Amino acid sequence: MKKAINEIRGQDSAELKAKLSDLRKEQFKLRFHGSAEEVAKTTRHREVRRTIARILMVLDERARSAATTAVAHGAAGSGAAGSGAAGSGAKGKK
C-alpha cells in the first residue's frame, strides 16, 4: 500500500485529476457490467474505489497545505487594516 500512495504522491495534480476522471469512468462502467453480466475480475471494483480514495486524499492534502501557506502569508501582511475595513462596513449598515 505504501508503494501505491508514494507513486500517487509522486505525480503532479493535473495528472492526478486526469487519472481520477479515468478511474471514475471505469468505476461507472464496472457497475453496469456487474449488474448486466458476470464481471471477470471482481477485485477490480475494490482496486478502483481505493485508488480513487487515495487520489482524493493526496489532492486534499495538497489543497490544505496550499491554503495554510496562503493564510500564513496573508495573515502576516493584512495587519489591522483588514479588520478596520470590515468594522466600518458593518457600522454603515445600522
Foldseek 3Di string as FASTA:
>chain_A
DVVLLVVLLPDDLVVLVVVLVVLVVVLVVCVVCVVPHPDPDPCVNVVSVVSNVSSVVSVVVVVVVVVVVCCVVVVVPCPCVVVVVVVVVVVVVD
